[in-house]
PDB file of N, CA and C in Angstrom:
ATOM      1  N   MET A   1       0.853  -1.172   0.000  1.00  0.00           N
ATOM      2  CA  MET A   1       0.000   0.000   0.000  1.00  0.00           C
ATOM      3  C   MET A   1       0.897   1.233   0.000  1.00  0.00           C
ATOM      4  N   ASN A   2       0.571   2.233  -0.824  1.00  0.00           N
ATOM      5  CA  ASN A   2       1.409   3.423  -0.886  1.00  0.00           C
ATOM      6  C   ASN A   2       1.179   4.308   0.341  1.00  0.00           C
ATOM      7  N   LYS A   3       2.020   5.341   0.496  1.00  0.00           N
ATOM      8  CA  LYS A   3       1.955   6.212   1.671  1.00  0.00           C
ATOM      9  C   LYS A   3       0.615   6.927   1.779  1.00  0.00           C
ATOM     10  N   ILE A   4       0.069   7.399   0.659  1.00  0.00           N
ATOM     11  CA  ILE A   4      -1.208   8.109   0.694  1.00  0.00           C
ATOM     12  C   ILE A   4      -2.321   7.161   1.126  1.00  0.00           C
ATOM     13  N   GLY A   5      -2.290   5.948   0.643  1.00  0.00           N
ATOM     14  CA  GLY A   5      -3.294   4.957   1.028  1.00  0.00           C
ATOM     15  C   GLY A   5      -3.237   4.629   2.510  1.00  0.00           C
ATOM     16  N   LYS A   6      -2.024   4.448   3.054  1.00  0.00           N
ATOM     17  CA  LYS A   6      -1.857   4.162   4.482  1.00  0.00           C
ATOM     18  C   LYS A   6      -2.351   5.338   5.325  1.00  0.00           C
ATOM     19  N   PHE A   7      -2.018   6.559   4.898  1.00  0.00           N
ATOM     20  CA  PHE A   7      -2.445   7.751   5.624  1.00  0.00           C
ATOM     21  C   PHE A   7      -3.968   7.843   5.638  1.00  0.00           C
ATOM     22  N   SER A   8      -4.600   7.558   4.511  1.00  0.00           N
ATOM     23  CA  SER A   8      -6.059   7.623   4.418  1.00  0.00           C
ATOM     24  C   SER A   8      -6.718   6.631   5.366  1.00  0.00           C
ATOM     25  N   VAL A   9      -6.170   5.428   5.452  1.00  0.00           N
ATOM     26  CA  VAL A   9      -6.722   4.407   6.345  1.00  0.00           C
ATOM     27  C   VAL A   9      -6.574   4.843   7.803  1.00  0.00           C
ATOM     28  N   VAL A  10      -5.404   5.357   8.170  1.00  0.00           N
ATOM     29  CA  VAL A  10      -5.163   5.815   9.540  1.00  0.00           C
ATOM     30  C   VAL A  10      -6.077   6.988   9.873  1.00  0.00           C
ATOM     31  N   ALA A  11      -6.202   7.954   8.974  1.00  0.00           N
ATOM     32  CA  ALA A  11      -7.057   9.121   9.206  1.00  0.00           C
ATOM     33  C   ALA A  11      -8.515   8.702   9.361  1.00  0.00           C
ATOM     34  N   ALA A  12      -8.976   7.790   8.537  1.00  0.00           N
ATOM     35  CA  ALA A  12     -10.358   7.321   8.626  1.00  0.00           C
ATOM     36  C   ALA A  12     -10.603   6.598   9.949  1.00  0.00           C
ATOM     37  N   ALA A  13      -9.656   5.803  10.390  1.00  0.00           N
ATOM     38  CA  ALA A  13      -9.793   5.084  11.663  1.00  0.00           C
ATOM     39  C   ALA A  13      -9.826   6.058  12.834  1.00  0.00           C
ATOM     40  N   ALA A  14      -8.979   7.070  12.785  1.00  0.00           N
ATOM     41  CA  ALA A  14      -8.952   8.073  13.858  1.00  0.00           C
ATOM     42  C   ALA A  14     -10.273   8.831  13.908  1.00  0.00           C
ATOM     43  N   ALA A  15     -10.787   9.240  12.763  1.00  0.00           N
ATOM     44  CA  ALA A  15     -12.057   9.963  12.712  1.00  0.00           C
ATOM     45  C   ALA A  15     -13.195   9.096  13.238  1.00  0.00           C
ATOM     46  N   ALA A  16     -13.210   7.832  12.886  1.00  0.00           N
ATOM     47  CA  ALA A  16     -14.256   6.925  13.356  1.00  0.00           C
ATOM     48  C   ALA A  16     -14.196   6.761  14.868  1.00  0.00           C
ATOM     49  N   THR A  17     -12.998   6.681  15.412  1.00  0.00           N
ATOM     50  CA  THR A  17     -12.841   6.547  16.860  1.00  0.00           C
ATOM     51  C   THR A  17     -13.365   7.782  17.579  1.00  0.00           C
ATOM     52  N   ILE A  18     -13.038   8.952  17.077  1.00  0.00           N
ATOM     53  CA  ILE A  18     -13.499  10.204  17.685  1.00  0.00           C
ATOM     54  C   ILE A  18     -15.014  10.293  17.624  1.00  0.00           C
ATOM     55  N   LEU A  19     -15.598   9.990  16.489  1.00  0.00           N
ATOM     56  CA  LEU A  19     -17.046  10.061  16.343  1.00  0.00           C
ATOM     57  C   LEU A  19     -17.757   9.017  17.195  1.00  0.00           C
ATOM     58  N   ALA A  20     -17.174   7.861  17.346  1.00  0.00           N
ATOM     59  CA  ALA A  20     -17.809   6.782  18.101  1.00  0.00           C
ATOM     60  C   ALA A  20     -17.859   7.076  19.594  1.00  0.00           C
ATOM     61  N   THR A  21     -16.881   7.797  20.119  1.00  0.00           N
ATOM     62  CA  THR A  21     -16.868   8.076  21.555  1.00  0.00           C
ATOM     63  C   THR A  21     -17.961   9.047  21.933  1.00  0.00           C
ATOM     64  N   GLY A  22     -18.279   9.997  21.069  1.00  0.00           N
ATOM     65  CA  GLY A  22     -19.372  10.919  21.312  1.00  0.00           C
ATOM     66  C   GLY A  22     -19.165  11.862  22.473  1.00  0.00           C
ATOM     67  N   SER A  23     -18.004  11.918  23.048  1.00  0.00           N
ATOM     68  CA  SER A  23     -17.781  12.816  24.171  1.00  0.00           C
ATOM     69  C   SER A  23     -17.249  14.147  23.679  1.00  0.00           C
ATOM     70  N   SER A  24     -17.732  15.195  24.313  1.00  0.00           N
ATOM     71  CA  SER A  24     -17.270  16.518  23.923  1.00  0.00           C
ATOM     72  C   SER A  24     -16.095  16.925  24.801  1.00  0.00           C
ATOM     73  N   ALA A  25     -15.319  17.834  24.314  1.00  0.00           N
ATOM     74  CA  ALA A  25     -14.162  18.318  25.062  1.00  0.00           C
ATOM     75  C   ALA A  25     -14.630  19.230  26.194  1.00  0.00           C
ATOM     76  N   TYR A  26     -13.938  19.185  27.325  1.00  0.00           N
ATOM     77  CA  TYR A  26     -14.231  20.052  28.454  1.00  0.00           C
ATOM     78  C   TYR A  26     -13.759  21.456  28.125  1.00  0.00           C
ATOM     79  N   ALA A  27     -14.596  22.463  28.362  1.00  0.00           N
ATOM     80  CA  ALA A  27     -14.246  23.814  27.928  1.00  0.00           C
ATOM     81  C   ALA A  27     -14.474  24.872  28.998  1.00  0.00           C
ATOM     82  N   GLY A  28     -14.303  24.558  30.275  1.00  0.00           N
ATOM     83  CA  GLY A  28     -14.468  25.547  31.325  1.00  0.00           C
ATOM     84  C   GLY A  28     -13.296  26.517  31.359  1.00  0.00           C
ATOM     85  N   THR A  29     -13.463  27.610  32.109  1.00  0.00           N
ATOM     86  CA  THR A  29     -12.416  28.622  32.226  1.00  0.00           C
ATOM     87  C   THR A  29     -12.158  28.923  33.696  1.00  0.00           C
ATOM     88  N   ASP A  30     -10.934  28.710  34.144  1.00  0.00           N
ATOM     89  CA  ASP A  30     -10.539  29.052  35.508  1.00  0.00           C
ATOM     90  C   ASP A  30     -10.207  30.538  35.574  1.00  0.00           C
ATOM     91  N   ALA A  31     -10.261  31.100  36.776  1.00  0.00           N
ATOM     92  CA  ALA A  31      -9.889  32.502  36.965  1.00  0.00           C
ATOM     93  C   ALA A  31      -9.505  32.702  38.427  1.00  0.00           C
ATOM     94  N   SER A  32      -8.781  33.792  38.695  1.00  0.00           N
ATOM     95  CA  SER A  32      -8.391  34.090  40.072  1.00  0.00           C
ATOM     96  C   SER A  32      -8.636  35.558  40.388  1.00  0.00           C
ATOM     97  N   SER A  33      -8.655  35.859  41.667  1.00  0.00           N
ATOM     98  CA  SER A  33      -8.935  37.203  42.162  1.00  0.00           C
ATOM     99  C   SER A  33      -8.118  37.402  43.434  1.00  0.00           C
ATOM    100  N   SER A  34      -7.577  38.593  43.615  1.00  0.00           N
ATOM    101  CA  SER A  34      -6.834  38.843  44.850  1.00  0.00           C
ATOM    102  C   SER A  34      -6.948  40.297  45.280  1.00  0.00           C
ATOM    103  N   VAL A  35      -6.828  40.470  46.561  1.00  0.00           N
ATOM    104  CA  VAL A  35      -6.804  41.773  47.203  1.00  0.00           C
ATOM    105  C   VAL A  35      -5.916  41.572  48.436  1.00  0.00           C
ATOM    106  N   ALA A  36      -5.332  42.623  48.960  1.00  0.00           N
ATOM    107  CA  ALA A  36      -4.452  42.477  50.122  1.00  0.00           C
ATOM    108  C   ALA A  36      -5.167  41.709  51.234  1.00  0.00           C
ATOM    109  N   GLY A  37      -4.627  40.546  51.598  1.00  0.00           N
ATOM    110  CA  GLY A  37      -5.188  39.733  52.662  1.00  0.00           C
ATOM    111  C   GLY A  37      -6.046  38.566  52.207  1.00  0.00           C
ATOM    112  N   SER A  38      -6.329  38.477  50.900  1.00  0.00           N
ATOM    113  CA  SER A  38      -7.204  37.410  50.418  1.00  0.00           C
ATOM    114  C   SER A  38      -6.898  37.069  48.965  1.00  0.00           C
ATOM    115  N   TRP A  39      -6.840  35.775  48.668  1.00  0.00           N
ATOM    116  CA  TRP A  39      -6.653  35.298  47.295  1.00  0.00           C
ATOM    117  C   TRP A  39      -7.694  34.222  47.042  1.00  0.00           C
ATOM    118  N   SER A  40      -8.385  34.306  45.907  1.00  0.00           N
ATOM    119  CA  SER A  40      -9.426  33.336  45.571  1.00  0.00           C
ATOM    120  C   SER A  40      -9.277  32.891  44.133  1.00  0.00           C
ATOM    121  N   ARG A  41      -9.857  31.716  43.845  1.00  0.00           N
ATOM    122  CA  ARG A  41      -9.904  31.267  42.460  1.00  0.00           C
ATOM    123  C   ARG A  41     -11.146  30.416  42.243  1.00  0.00           C
ATOM    124  N   PHE A  42     -11.581  30.406  40.967  1.00  0.00           N
ATOM    125  CA  PHE A  42     -12.648  29.517  40.535  1.00  0.00           C
ATOM    126  C   PHE A  42     -11.992  28.413  39.730  1.00  0.00           C
ATOM    127  N   ILE A  43     -12.247  27.175  40.101  1.00  0.00           N
ATOM    128  CA  ILE A  43     -11.701  26.010  39.414  1.00  0.00           C
ATOM    129  C   ILE A  43     -12.856  25.398  38.627  1.00  0.00           C
ATOM    130  N   SER A  44     -12.816  25.560  37.317  1.00  0.00           N
ATOM    131  CA  SER A  44     -13.959  25.147  36.498  1.00  0.00           C
ATOM    132  C   SER A  44     -14.192  23.641  36.527  1.00  0.00           C
ATOM    133  N   TYR A  45     -13.136  22.850  36.580  1.00  0.00           N
ATOM    134  CA  TYR A  45     -13.307  21.400  36.626  1.00  0.00           C
ATOM    135  C   TYR A  45     -13.753  21.017  38.030  1.00  0.00           C
ATOM    136  N   GLY A  46     -15.025  20.747  38.200  1.00  0.00           N
ATOM    137  CA  GLY A  46     -15.574  20.449  39.513  1.00  0.00           C
ATOM    138  C   GLY A  46     -16.318  21.620  40.122  1.00  0.00           C
ATOM    139  N   ASP A  47     -16.315  22.765  39.459  1.00  0.00           N
ATOM    140  CA  ASP A  47     -17.043  23.952  39.931  1.00  0.00           C
ATOM    141  C   ASP A  47     -16.708  24.273  41.387  1.00  0.00           C
ATOM    142  N   LYS A  48     -15.447  24.554  41.653  1.00  0.00           N
ATOM    143  CA  LYS A  48     -14.990  24.817  43.016  1.00  0.00           C
ATOM    144  C   LYS A  48     -14.503  26.254  43.168  1.00  0.00           C
ATOM    145  N   PHE A  49     -14.712  26.785  44.359  1.00  0.00           N
ATOM    146  CA  PHE A  49     -14.078  28.033  44.757  1.00  0.00           C
ATOM    147  C   PHE A  49     -13.029  27.689  45.798  1.00  0.00           C
ATOM    148  N   GLU A  50     -11.913  28.397  45.746  1.00  0.00           N
ATOM    149  CA  GLU A  50     -10.884  28.267  46.773  1.00  0.00           C
ATOM    150  C   GLU A  50     -10.556  29.663  47.265  1.00  0.00           C
ATOM    151  N   ASN A  51     -10.380  29.797  48.572  1.00  0.00           N
ATOM    152  CA  ASN A  51      -9.965  31.070  49.150  1.00  0.00           C
ATOM    153  C   ASN A  51      -8.816  30.815  50.108  1.00  0.00           C
ATOM    154  N   CYS A  52      -7.798  31.667  50.014  1.00  0.00           N
ATOM    155  CA  CYS A  52      -6.648  31.595  50.914  1.00  0.00           C
ATOM    156  C   CYS A  52      -6.513  32.918  51.649  1.00  0.00           C
ATOM    157  N   ASP A  53      -6.346  32.833  52.951  1.00  0.00           N
ATOM    158  CA  ASP A  53      -6.093  34.017  53.769  1.00  0.00           C
ATOM    159  C   ASP A  53      -4.613  34.346  53.623  1.00  0.00           C
ATOM    160  N   THR A  54      -4.313  35.532  53.120  1.00  0.00           N
ATOM    161  CA  THR A  54      -2.918  35.912  52.870  1.00  0.00           C
ATOM    162  C   THR A  54      -2.457  37.082  53.730  1.00  0.00           C
ATOM    163  N   GLY A  55      -3.246  37.432  54.737  1.00  0.00           N
ATOM    164  CA  GLY A  55      -2.886  38.583  55.561  1.00  0.00           C
ATOM    165  C   GLY A  55      -2.621  38.222  57.007  1.00  0.00           C
ATOM    166  N   GLU A  56      -1.604  38.824  57.565  1.00  0.00           N
ATOM    167  CA  GLU A  56      -1.306  38.657  58.994  1.00  0.00           C
ATOM    168  C   GLU A  56      -1.999  39.776  59.754  1.00  0.00           C
ATOM    169  N   ASP A  57      -3.321  39.868  59.556  1.00  0.00           N
ATOM    170  CA  ASP A  57      -4.063  41.006  60.084  1.00  0.00           C
ATOM    171  C   ASP A  57      -5.182  40.612  61.041  1.00  0.00           C
ATOM    172  N   GLY A  58      -5.407  39.309  61.231  1.00  0.00           N
ATOM    173  CA  GLY A  58      -6.478  38.852  62.110  1.00  0.00           C
ATOM    174  C   GLY A  58      -7.865  38.981  61.502  1.00  0.00           C
ATOM    175  N   LEU A  59      -7.956  39.409  60.246  1.00  0.00           N
ATOM    176  CA  LEU A  59      -9.248  39.562  59.583  1.00  0.00           C
ATOM    177  C   LEU A  59      -9.601  38.293  58.812  1.00  0.00           C
ATOM    178  N   ILE A  60     -10.874  38.136  58.495  1.00  0.00           N
ATOM    179  CA  ILE A  60     -11.362  36.945  57.800  1.00  0.00           C
ATOM    180  C   ILE A  60     -11.430  37.206  56.299  1.00  0.00           C
ATOM    181  N   SER A  61     -10.863  36.290  55.519  1.00  0.00           N
ATOM    182  CA  SER A  61     -10.945  36.412  54.061  1.00  0.00           C
ATOM    183  C   SER A  61     -12.116  35.569  53.559  1.00  0.00           C
ATOM    184  N   TYR A  62     -12.659  35.974  52.404  1.00  0.00           N
ATOM    185  CA  TYR A  62     -13.766  35.208  51.828  1.00  0.00           C
ATOM    186  C   TYR A  62     -13.851  35.430  50.330  1.00  0.00           C
ATOM    187  N   VAL A  63     -14.652  34.587  49.677  1.00  0.00           N
ATOM    188  CA  VAL A  63     -14.930  34.733  48.252  1.00  0.00           C
ATOM    189  C   VAL A  63     -16.436  34.953  48.105  1.00  0.00           C
ATOM    190  N   ALA A  64     -16.803  36.009  47.381  1.00  0.00           N
ATOM    191  CA  ALA A  64     -18.209  36.295  47.065  1.00  0.00           C
ATOM    192  C   ALA A  64     -18.447  35.874  45.621  1.00  0.00           C
ATOM    193  N   TYR A  65     -19.636  35.353  45.335  1.00  0.00           N
ATOM    194  CA  TYR A  65     -19.905  34.895  43.967  1.00  0.00           C
ATOM    195  C   TYR A  65     -21.343  35.193  43.559  1.00  0.00           C
ATOM    196  N   GLU A  66     -21.567  35.207  42.252  1.00  0.00           N
ATOM    197  CA  GLU A  66     -22.910  35.286  41.701  1.00  0.00           C
ATOM    198  C   GLU A  66     -22.961  34.487  40.404  1.00  0.00           C
ATOM    199  N   TYR A  67     -24.131  33.907  40.165  1.00  0.00           N
ATOM    200  CA  TYR A  67     -24.308  32.976  39.057  1.00  0.00           C
ATOM    201  C   TYR A  67     -25.752  33.071  38.595  1.00  0.00           C
ATOM    202  N   VAL A  68     -25.961  33.245  37.293  1.00  0.00           N
ATOM    203  CA  VAL A  68     -27.319  33.290  36.751  1.00  0.00           C
ATOM    204  C   VAL A  68     -27.720  31.872  36.356  1.00  0.00           C
ATOM    205  N   ARG A  69     -28.740  31.368  37.035  1.00  0.00           N
ATOM    206  CA  ARG A  69     -29.238  30.020  36.743  1.00  0.00           C
ATOM    207  C   ARG A  69     -29.906  29.984  35.373  1.00  0.00           C
ATOM    208  N   ILE A  70     -30.130  28.795  34.864  1.00  0.00           N
ATOM    209  CA  ILE A  70     -30.731  28.635  33.544  1.00  0.00           C
ATOM    210  C   ILE A  70     -32.142  29.232  33.487  1.00  0.00           C
ATOM    211  N   ASP A  71     -32.846  29.290  34.639  1.00  0.00           N
ATOM    212  CA  ASP A  71     -34.188  29.879  34.659  1.00  0.00           C
ATOM    213  C   ASP A  71     -34.149  31.401  34.788  1.00  0.00           C
ATOM    214  N   GLY A  72     -32.939  31.976  34.819  1.00  0.00           N
ATOM    215  CA  GLY A  72     -32.779  33.428  34.883  1.00  0.00           C
ATOM    216  C   GLY A  72     -32.647  33.989  36.286  1.00  0.00           C
ATOM    217  N   SER A  73     -32.882  33.179  37.309  1.00  0.00           N
ATOM    218  CA  SER A  73     -32.750  33.675  38.678  1.00  0.00           C
ATOM    219  C   SER A  73     -31.271  33.786  39.056  1.00  0.00           C
ATOM    220  N   LEU A  74     -30.992  34.712  39.959  1.00  0.00           N
ATOM    221  CA  LEU A  74     -29.613  34.979  40.368  1.00  0.00           C
ATOM    222  C   LEU A  74     -29.301  34.248  41.670  1.00  0.00           C
ATOM    223  N   GLN A  75     -28.258  33.470  41.656  1.00  0.00           N
ATOM    224  CA  GLN A  75     -27.761  32.802  42.861  1.00  0.00           C
ATOM    225  C   GLN A  75     -26.557  33.594  43.335  1.00  0.00           C
ATOM    226  N   THR A  76     -26.588  34.062  44.579  1.00  0.00           N
ATOM    227  CA  THR A  76     -25.452  34.790  45.138  1.00  0.00           C
ATOM    228  C   THR A  76     -25.038  34.120  46.444  1.00  0.00           C
ATOM    229  N   GLY A  77     -23.821  34.366  46.836  1.00  0.00           N
ATOM    230  CA  GLY A  77     -23.363  33.812  48.098  1.00  0.00           C
ATOM    231  C   GLY A  77     -21.939  34.212  48.406  1.00  0.00           C
ATOM    232  N   SER A  78     -21.512  33.834  49.583  1.00  0.00           N
ATOM    233  CA  SER A  78     -20.143  34.072  50.034  1.00  0.00           C
ATOM    234  C   SER A  78     -19.679  32.854  50.813  1.00  0.00           C
ATOM    235  N   HIS A  79     -18.405  32.551  50.682  1.00  0.00           N
ATOM    236  CA  HIS A  79     -17.794  31.472  51.453  1.00  0.00           C
ATOM    237  C   HIS A  79     -16.668  32.085  52.282  1.00  0.00           C
ATOM    238  N   TYR A  80     -16.807  32.000  53.604  1.00  0.00           N
ATOM    239  CA  TYR A  80     -15.822  32.568  54.517  1.00  0.00           C
ATOM    240  C   TYR A  80     -14.793  31.516  54.900  1.00  0.00           C
ATOM    241  N   ASN A  81     -13.529  31.899  54.807  1.00  0.00           N
ATOM    242  CA  ASN A  81     -12.430  31.004  55.145  1.00  0.00           C
ATOM    243  C   ASN A  81     -12.311  30.937  56.673  1.00  0.00           C
ATOM    244  N   PRO A  82     -12.478  29.754  57.263  1.00  0.00           N
ATOM    245  CA  PRO A  82     -12.413  29.652  58.722  1.00  0.00           C
ATOM    246  C   PRO A  82     -10.989  29.701  59.284  1.00  0.00           C
ATOM    247  N   GLY A  83      -9.990  29.678  58.407  1.00  0.00           N
ATOM    248  CA  GLY A  83      -8.601  29.646  58.855  1.00  0.00           C
ATOM    249  C   GLY A  83      -8.023  31.028  59.102  1.00  0.00           C
ATOM    250  N   SER A  84      -6.721  31.050  59.238  1.00  0.00           N
ATOM    251  CA  SER A  84      -5.999  32.309  59.430  1.00  0.00           C
ATOM    252  C   SER A  84      -4.901  32.400  58.378  1.00  0.00           C
ATOM    253  N   ASN A  85      -3.992  33.322  58.540  1.00  0.00           N
ATOM    254  CA  ASN A  85      -2.953  33.574  57.542  1.00  0.00           C
ATOM    255  C   ASN A  85      -2.304  32.280  57.041  1.00  0.00           C
ATOM    256  N   GLY A  86      -2.332  32.099  55.726  1.00  0.00           N
ATOM    257  CA  GLY A  86      -1.729  30.932  55.099  1.00  0.00           C
ATOM    258  C   GLY A  86      -2.676  29.757  54.902  1.00  0.00           C
ATOM    259  N   ASP A  87      -3.866  29.819  55.483  1.00  0.00           N
ATOM    260  CA  ASP A  87      -4.834  28.724  55.354  1.00  0.00           C
ATOM    261  C   ASP A  87      -5.728  28.921  54.133  1.00  0.00           C
ATOM    262  N   CYS A  88      -6.028  27.811  53.449  1.00  0.00           N
ATOM    263  CA  CYS A  88      -6.905  27.828  52.280  1.00  0.00           C
ATOM    264  C   CYS A  88      -8.078  26.881  52.517  1.00  0.00           C
ATOM    265  N   SER A  89      -9.222  27.210  51.941  1.00  0.00           N
ATOM    266  CA  SER A  89     -10.411  26.359  52.008  1.00  0.00           C
ATOM    267  C   SER A  89     -11.042  26.281  50.629  1.00  0.00           C
ATOM    268  N   GLN A  90     -11.742  25.170  50.353  1.00  0.00           N
ATOM    269  CA  GLN A  90     -12.446  24.987  49.077  1.00  0.00           C
ATOM    270  C   GLN A  90     -13.906  24.650  49.326  1.00  0.00           C
ATOM    271  N   TRP A  91     -14.759  25.063  48.370  1.00  0.00           N
ATOM    272  CA  TRP A  91     -16.180  24.778  48.414  1.00  0.00           C
ATOM    273  C   TRP A  91     -16.631  24.314  47.037  1.00  0.00           C
ATOM    274  N   ASP A  92     -17.417  23.238  47.007  1.00  0.00           N
ATOM    275  CA  ASP A  92     -17.909  22.662  45.750  1.00  0.00           C
ATOM    276  C   ASP A  92     -19.285  23.216  45.388  1.00  0.00           C
ATOM    277  N   HIS A  93     -19.512  23.344  44.096  1.00  0.00           N
ATOM    278  CA  HIS A  93     -20.814  23.739  43.559  1.00  0.00           C
ATOM    279  C   HIS A  93     -21.140  22.811  42.404  1.00  0.00           C
ATOM    280  N   ASN A  94     -22.310  22.990  41.839  1.00  0.00           N
ATOM    281  CA  ASN A  94     -22.711  22.229  40.663  1.00  0.00           C
ATOM    282  C   ASN A  94     -23.393  23.187  39.692  1.00  0.00           C
ATOM    283  N   PHE A  95     -22.612  24.079  39.103  1.00  0.00           N
ATOM    284  CA  PHE A  95     -23.137  25.042  38.147  1.00  0.00           C
ATOM    285  C   PHE A  95     -23.362  24.356  36.806  1.00  0.00           C
ATOM    286  N   GLY A  96     -24.266  24.891  36.004  1.00  0.00           N
ATOM    287  CA  GLY A  96     -24.508  24.353  34.665  1.00  0.00           C
ATOM    288  C   GLY A  96     -23.281  24.523  33.783  1.00  0.00           C
ATOM    289  N   GLU A  97     -22.965  23.490  33.010  1.00  0.00           N
ATOM    290  CA  GLU A  97     -21.789  23.545  32.132  1.00  0.00           C
ATOM    291  C   GLU A  97     -21.908  24.697  31.137  1.00  0.00           C
ATOM    292  N   GLY A  98     -20.815  25.419  30.972  1.00  0.00           N
ATOM    293  CA  GLY A  98     -20.772  26.530  30.031  1.00  0.00           C
ATOM    294  C   GLY A  98     -21.369  27.821  30.560  1.00  0.00           C
ATOM    295  N   ARG A  99     -21.824  27.829  31.810  1.00  0.00           N
ATOM    296  CA  ARG A  99     -22.445  29.021  32.394  1.00  0.00           C
ATOM    297  C   ARG A  99     -21.376  29.911  33.023  1.00  0.00           C
ATOM    298  N   THR A 100     -21.622  31.214  32.972  1.00  0.00           N
ATOM    299  CA  THR A 100     -20.698  32.205  33.523  1.00  0.00           C
ATOM    300  C   THR A 100     -20.868  32.314  35.040  1.00  0.00           C
ATOM    301  N   VAL A 101     -19.747  32.384  35.739  1.00  0.00           N
ATOM    302  CA  VAL A 101     -19.718  32.559  37.189  1.00  0.00           C
ATOM    303  C   VAL A 101     -18.872  33.790  37.477  1.00  0.00           C
ATOM    304  N   ARG A 102     -19.439  34.746  38.241  1.00  0.00           N
ATOM    305  CA  ARG A 102     -18.657  35.922  38.640  1.00  0.00           C
ATOM    306  C   ARG A 102     -18.301  35.777  40.118  1.00  0.00           C
ATOM    307  N   PHE A 103     -17.088  36.217  40.460  1.00  0.00           N
ATOM    308  CA  PHE A 103     -16.651  36.091  41.849  1.00  0.00           C
ATOM    309  C   PHE A 103     -15.586  37.140  42.138  1.00  0.00           C
ATOM    310  N   ARG A 104     -15.338  37.356  43.423  1.00  0.00           N
ATOM    311  CA  ARG A 104     -14.256  38.257  43.833  1.00  0.00           C
ATOM    312  C   ARG A 104     -13.774  37.895  45.224  1.00  0.00           C
ATOM    313  N   SER A 105     -12.517  38.186  45.442  1.00  0.00           N
ATOM    314  CA  SER A 105     -11.865  37.919  46.712  1.00  0.00           C
ATOM    315  C   SER A 105     -12.045  39.130  47.619  1.00  0.00           C
ATOM    316  N   CYS A 106     -12.361  38.886  48.888  1.00  0.00           N
ATOM    317  CA  CYS A 106     -12.640  39.985  49.816  1.00  0.00           C
ATOM    318  C   CYS A 106     -12.021  39.727  51.191  1.00  0.00           C
ATOM    319  N   VAL A 107     -11.940  40.800  51.974  1.00  0.00           N
ATOM    320  CA  VAL A 107     -11.534  40.725  53.376  1.00  0.00           C
ATOM    321  C   VAL A 107     -12.638  41.374  54.195  1.00  0.00           C
ATOM    322  N   ASP A 108     -13.130  40.638  55.192  1.00  0.00           N
ATOM    323  CA  ASP A 108     -14.202  41.109  56.065  1.00  0.00           C
ATOM    324  C   ASP A 108     -13.631  42.137  57.038  1.00  0.00           C
ATOM    325  N   GLN A 109     -14.093  43.364  56.917  1.00  0.00           N
ATOM    326  CA  GLN A 109     -13.624  44.455  57.774  1.00  0.00           C
ATOM    327  C   GLN A 109     -14.549  44.607  58.986  1.00  0.00           C
ATOM    328  N   PRO A 110     -14.095  45.300  60.030  1.00  0.00           N
ATOM    329  CA  PRO A 110     -14.977  45.570  61.169  1.00  0.00           C
ATOM    330  C   PRO A 110     -16.271  46.255  60.695  1.00  0.00           C
ATOM    331  N   ALA A 111     -17.330  46.131  61.490  1.00  0.00           N
ATOM    332  CA  ALA A 111     -18.680  46.564  61.106  1.00  0.00           C
ATOM    333  C   ALA A 111     -18.769  48.001  60.592  1.00  0.00           C
ATOM    334  N   TRP A 112     -17.956  48.903  61.085  1.00  0.00           N
ATOM    335  CA  TRP A 112     -18.059  50.302  60.684  1.00  0.00           C
ATOM    336  C   TRP A 112     -17.323  50.605  59.378  1.00  0.00           C
ATOM    337  N   LEU A 113     -16.640  49.625  58.820  1.00  0.00           N
ATOM    338  CA  LEU A 113     -15.916  49.813  57.561  1.00  0.00           C
ATOM    339  C   LEU A 113     -16.510  48.938  56.459  1.00  0.00           C
ATOM    340  N   THR A 114     -16.325  49.370  55.224  1.00  0.00           N
ATOM    341  CA  THR A 114     -16.747  48.576  54.071  1.00  0.00           C
ATOM    342  C   THR A 114     -15.709  47.486  53.812  1.00  0.00           C
ATOM    343  N   ASP A 115     -16.169  46.282  53.489  1.00  0.00           N
ATOM    344  CA  ASP A 115     -15.244  45.188  53.179  1.00  0.00           C
ATOM    345  C   ASP A 115     -14.355  45.562  52.002  1.00  0.00           C
ATOM    346  N   THR A 116     -13.116  45.096  52.046  1.00  0.00           N
ATOM    347  CA  THR A 116     -12.165  45.311  50.955  1.00  0.00           C
ATOM    348  C   THR A 116     -12.323  44.168  49.963  1.00  0.00           C
ATOM    349  N   CYS A 117     -12.638  44.505  48.697  1.00  0.00           N
ATOM    350  CA  CYS A 117     -12.853  43.469  47.679  1.00  0.00           C
ATOM    351  C   CYS A 117     -12.164  43.838  46.372  1.00  0.00           C
ATOM    352  N   ASP A 118     -11.742  42.821  45.648  1.00  0.00           N
ATOM    353  CA  ASP A 118     -11.231  42.972  44.291  1.00  0.00           C
ATOM    354  C   ASP A 118     -12.425  43.251  43.375  1.00  0.00           C
ATOM    355  N   ARG A 119     -12.151  43.609  42.134  1.00  0.00           N
ATOM    356  CA  ARG A 119     -13.234  43.764  41.158  1.00  0.00           C
ATOM    357  C   ARG A 119     -13.782  42.380  40.823  1.00  0.00           C
ATOM    358  N   TRP A 120     -14.967  42.330  40.246  1.00  0.00           N
ATOM    359  CA  TRP A 120     -15.551  41.046  39.857  1.00  0.00           C
ATOM    360  C   TRP A 120     -14.722  40.402  38.760  1.00  0.00           C
ATOM    361  N   ARG A 121     -14.472  39.103  38.906  1.00  0.00           N
ATOM    362  CA  ARG A 121     -13.760  38.308  37.900  1.00  0.00           C
ATOM    363  C   ARG A 121     -14.740  37.286  37.331  1.00  0.00           C
ATOM    364  N   THR A 122     -14.419  36.746  36.162  1.00  0.00           N
ATOM    365  CA  THR A 122     -15.339  35.830  35.489  1.00  0.00           C
ATOM    366  C   THR A 122     -14.680  34.496  35.167  1.00  0.00           C
ATOM    367  N   GLY A 123     -15.381  33.429  35.497  1.00  0.00           N
ATOM    368  CA  GLY A 123     -14.987  32.081  35.116  1.00  0.00           C
ATOM    369  C   GLY A 123     -16.147  31.433  34.377  1.00  0.00           C
ATOM    370  N   VAL A 124     -15.894  30.308  33.749  1.00  0.00           N
ATOM    371  CA  VAL A 124     -16.948  29.572  33.045  1.00  0.00           C
ATOM    372  C   VAL A 124     -16.965  28.141  33.562  1.00  0.00           C
ATOM    373  N   ALA A 125     -18.143  27.717  34.023  1.00  0.00           N
ATOM    374  CA  ALA A 125     -18.295  26.359  34.571  1.00  0.00           C
ATOM    375  C   ALA A 125     -18.178  25.305  33.483  1.00  0.00           C
TER     376      ALA A 125
END
């Protein structure tokens, strides 16, 4: 069999294998957010948020998020890191695949002050 014939057979076999599996490629988008004292990220594989306390300030770091459900309703929330400087925590979600998730890293300030937060960042579940 000539080289072109062998290539055609291999290419056809590869295409058939890809079509037969029927699985689509994973296409989520990770992102991170930080502000003095807090670092957060969205991990698209598994729909997880992670927050790390990066400040030696005795304040609590957290990640705030918002997500538009398929029915159009808005899901909002915050996950507070129970640790202290250097500690990280993760929280699992089950967002719809391909849906946009907005989040930001924050530091919980005393009641008379506004919390310190990064700008909103975007990930894709």
